[in-house]
Amino acid sequence: MNVEKHLKVTGNSKVSWKDAIVKTIQEASQSLQYLSEVTILEQKAKIEDDKISEYFVTLDLTFLIDRNRDN
């Protein structure tokens, strides 16, 4: 039986929403193992001088619980 756990995380980028998503997943994978899925929950942006200055994403990351792995 597979058991999944979900974690809600938020990340940002000055380049784009896609860059924010990629960077957030890369950062989360540094401390989380067995990432299996991502759902984009929210996208927001900060506006300065009538232009987007920063992109924010909130993600639902799914990872598998592995009872057999070494601690």
N, C-alpha and C. Protein backbone atom coordinates (compact mmCIF):
# COMPACT_ATOMS: atom_id res chain seq x y z
N MET A 1 0.84 -1.18 0.00
CA MET A 1 0.00 0.00 0.00
C MET A 1 0.89 1.24 0.00
N ASN A 2 0.55 2.21 -0.83
CA ASN A 2 1.26 3.49 -0.86
C ASN A 2 0.53 4.50 0.01
N VAL A 3 1.30 5.22 0.80
CA VAL A 3 0.74 6.30 1.60
C VAL A 3 1.43 7.58 1.15
N GLU A 4 0.62 8.60 0.88
CA GLU A 4 1.15 9.87 0.43
C GLU A 4 0.96 10.93 1.52
N LYS A 5 1.88 11.86 1.56
CA LYS A 5 1.76 13.00 2.46
C LYS A 5 1.80 14.26 1.60
N HIS A 6 1.07 15.28 2.02
CA HIS A 6 1.01 16.53 1.27
C HIS A 6 1.59 17.66 2.12
N LEU A 7 2.31 18.52 1.44
CA LEU A 7 2.93 19.66 2.11
C LEU A 7 2.67 20.91 1.26
N LYS A 8 2.13 21.94 1.90
CA LYS A 8 1.87 23.20 1.21
C LYS A 8 3.07 24.12 1.40
N VAL A 9 3.64 24.58 0.28
CA VAL A 9 4.82 25.44 0.32
C VAL A 9 4.61 26.65 -0.60
N THR A 10 5.32 27.73 -0.28
CA THR A 10 5.25 28.94 -1.10
C THR A 10 6.67 29.35 -1.49
N GLY A 11 6.84 29.73 -2.76
CA GLY A 11 8.13 30.18 -3.25
C GLY A 11 7.97 31.41 -4.13
N ASN A 12 9.10 31.97 -4.55
CA ASN A 12 9.03 33.19 -5.35
C ASN A 12 10.17 33.25 -6.36
N SER A 13 10.02 34.16 -7.31
CA SER A 13 11.02 34.40 -8.34
C SER A 13 10.83 35.81 -8.87
N LYS A 14 11.91 36.40 -9.32
CA LYS A 14 11.82 37.71 -9.97
C LYS A 14 11.67 37.56 -11.49
N VAL A 15 11.71 36.30 -11.99
CA VAL A 15 11.70 36.03 -13.43
C VAL A 15 10.30 35.70 -13.95
N SER A 16 9.65 34.66 -13.36
CA SER A 16 8.35 34.21 -13.87
C SER A 16 7.72 33.24 -12.87
N TRP A 17 6.43 32.92 -13.11
CA TRP A 17 5.77 31.92 -12.28
C TRP A 17 6.41 30.55 -12.50
N LYS A 18 6.73 30.23 -13.74
CA LYS A 18 7.37 28.94 -14.02
C LYS A 18 8.70 28.82 -13.26
N ASP A 19 9.48 29.87 -13.26
CA ASP A 19 10.75 29.86 -12.55
C ASP A 19 10.51 29.68 -11.04
N ALA A 20 9.48 30.32 -10.52
CA ALA A 20 9.15 30.18 -9.11
C ALA A 20 8.78 28.73 -8.78
N ILE A 21 8.02 28.09 -9.66
CA ILE A 21 7.63 26.70 -9.45
C ILE A 21 8.85 25.80 -9.45
N VAL A 22 9.70 25.95 -10.46
CA VAL A 22 10.89 25.10 -10.59
C VAL A 22 11.81 25.30 -9.38
N LYS A 23 12.07 26.53 -9.00
CA LYS A 23 12.96 26.81 -7.87
C LYS A 23 12.40 26.28 -6.55
N THR A 24 11.09 26.39 -6.38
CA THR A 24 10.46 25.92 -5.14
C THR A 24 10.56 24.40 -5.04
N ILE A 25 10.32 23.71 -6.14
CA ILE A 25 10.44 22.24 -6.14
C ILE A 25 11.90 21.84 -5.89
N GLN A 26 12.84 22.51 -6.54
CA GLN A 26 14.25 22.19 -6.33
C GLN A 26 14.65 22.38 -4.88
N GLU A 27 14.20 23.47 -4.28
CA GLU A 27 14.54 23.75 -2.88
C GLU A 27 13.91 22.71 -1.95
N ALA A 28 12.65 22.38 -2.19
CA ALA A 28 11.97 21.40 -1.34
C ALA A 28 12.62 20.02 -1.46
N SER A 29 13.09 19.68 -2.65
CA SER A 29 13.70 18.36 -2.85
C SER A 29 15.03 18.21 -2.12
N GLN A 30 15.60 19.31 -1.62
CA GLN A 30 16.82 19.23 -0.84
C GLN A 30 16.57 18.59 0.53
N SER A 31 15.36 18.73 1.04
CA SER A 31 15.06 18.16 2.35
C SER A 31 13.94 17.12 2.34
N LEU A 32 13.25 16.98 1.23
CA LEU A 32 12.18 15.98 1.12
C LEU A 32 12.58 14.92 0.10
N GLN A 33 12.37 13.67 0.47
CA GLN A 33 12.63 12.57 -0.46
C GLN A 33 11.30 12.05 -1.00
N TYR A 34 11.38 11.37 -2.12
CA TYR A 34 10.24 10.67 -2.72
C TYR A 34 9.14 11.62 -3.20
N LEU A 35 9.50 12.84 -3.66
CA LEU A 35 8.49 13.73 -4.25
C LEU A 35 7.88 13.04 -5.46
N SER A 36 6.56 13.11 -5.57
CA SER A 36 5.90 12.40 -6.66
C SER A 36 4.95 13.27 -7.49
N GLU A 37 4.39 14.32 -6.89
CA GLU A 37 3.43 15.16 -7.63
C GLU A 37 3.49 16.59 -7.10
N VAL A 38 3.02 17.50 -7.95
CA VAL A 38 2.86 18.88 -7.54
C VAL A 38 1.53 19.40 -8.08
N THR A 39 0.83 20.16 -7.26
CA THR A 39 -0.39 20.85 -7.67
C THR A 39 -0.18 22.33 -7.39
N ILE A 40 -0.44 23.15 -8.39
CA ILE A 40 -0.31 24.60 -8.22
C ILE A 40 -1.61 25.11 -7.60
N LEU A 41 -1.52 25.60 -6.37
CA LEU A 41 -2.71 26.06 -5.67
C LEU A 41 -3.01 27.53 -5.93
N GLU A 42 -1.95 28.35 -6.04
CA GLU A 42 -2.15 29.79 -6.18
C GLU A 42 -0.95 30.44 -6.86
N GLN A 43 -1.24 31.44 -7.65
CA GLN A 43 -0.19 32.26 -8.26
C GLN A 43 -0.53 33.72 -7.96
N LYS A 44 0.47 34.46 -7.46
CA LYS A 44 0.29 35.88 -7.17
C LYS A 44 1.51 36.62 -7.68
N ALA A 45 1.37 37.93 -7.77
CA ALA A 45 2.51 38.74 -8.20
C ALA A 45 2.50 40.07 -7.47
N LYS A 46 3.69 40.58 -7.24
CA LYS A 46 3.86 41.91 -6.66
C LYS A 46 4.05 42.90 -7.81
N ILE A 47 3.38 44.02 -7.74
CA ILE A 47 3.46 45.03 -8.80
C ILE A 47 4.14 46.28 -8.26
N GLU A 48 5.13 46.74 -8.99
CA GLU A 48 5.81 47.99 -8.67
C GLU A 48 5.98 48.79 -9.95
N ASP A 49 5.64 50.05 -9.91
CA ASP A 49 5.74 50.93 -11.09
C ASP A 49 5.02 50.35 -12.29
N ASP A 50 3.82 49.84 -12.06
CA ASP A 50 2.95 49.29 -13.11
C ASP A 50 3.52 48.05 -13.80
N LYS A 51 4.49 47.37 -13.18
CA LYS A 51 5.07 46.16 -13.76
C LYS A 51 5.19 45.10 -12.66
N ILE A 52 5.13 43.84 -13.08
CA ILE A 52 5.33 42.76 -12.13
C ILE A 52 6.79 42.74 -11.72
N SER A 53 7.02 42.79 -10.42
CA SER A 53 8.39 42.80 -9.92
C SER A 53 8.78 41.48 -9.25
N GLU A 54 7.77 40.70 -8.84
CA GLU A 54 8.06 39.42 -8.21
C GLU A 54 6.86 38.49 -8.35
N TYR A 55 7.15 37.22 -8.61
CA TYR A 55 6.13 36.19 -8.81
C TYR A 55 6.13 35.25 -7.61
N PHE A 56 4.94 34.89 -7.13
CA PHE A 56 4.80 33.99 -5.99
C PHE A 56 3.92 32.80 -6.39
N VAL A 57 4.27 31.62 -5.92
CA VAL A 57 3.46 30.43 -6.14
C VAL A 57 3.27 29.69 -4.82
N THR A 58 2.10 29.14 -4.65
CA THR A 58 1.83 28.24 -3.54
C THR A 58 1.55 26.87 -4.14
N LEU A 59 2.30 25.88 -3.67
CA LEU A 59 2.24 24.54 -4.23
C LEU A 59 1.83 23.52 -3.18
N ASP A 60 1.15 22.48 -3.63
CA ASP A 60 0.87 21.31 -2.81
C ASP A 60 1.80 20.22 -3.32
N LEU A 61 2.83 19.91 -2.55
CA LEU A 61 3.78 18.87 -2.93
C LEU A 61 3.36 17.55 -2.31
N THR A 62 3.39 16.50 -3.10
CA THR A 62 3.05 15.16 -2.63
C THR A 62 4.31 14.33 -2.59
N PHE A 63 4.50 13.62 -1.49
CA PHE A 63 5.61 12.69 -1.43
C PHE A 63 5.16 11.41 -0.76
N LEU A 64 5.83 10.32 -1.12
CA LEU A 64 5.46 9.00 -0.63
C LEU A 64 6.10 8.73 0.71
N ILE A 65 5.34 8.11 1.60
CA ILE A 65 5.85 7.65 2.88
C ILE A 65 6.44 6.26 2.64
N ASP A 66 7.68 6.07 3.02
CA ASP A 66 8.35 4.77 2.84
C ASP A 66 8.76 4.24 4.21
N ARG A 67 7.99 3.29 4.71
CA ARG A 67 8.27 2.72 6.03
C ARG A 67 9.54 1.86 6.04
N ASN A 68 9.98 1.42 4.89
CA ASN A 68 11.11 0.51 4.81
C ASN A 68 12.46 1.21 4.66
N ARG A 69 12.48 2.51 4.51
CA ARG A 69 13.75 3.19 4.33
C ARG A 69 14.51 3.28 5.65
N ASP A 70 15.81 3.42 5.54
CA ASP A 70 16.65 3.56 6.72
C ASP A 70 16.48 4.96 7.28
N ASN A 71 16.43 5.06 8.59
CA ASN A 71 16.29 6.37 9.24
C ASN A 71 17.60 7.07 9.38
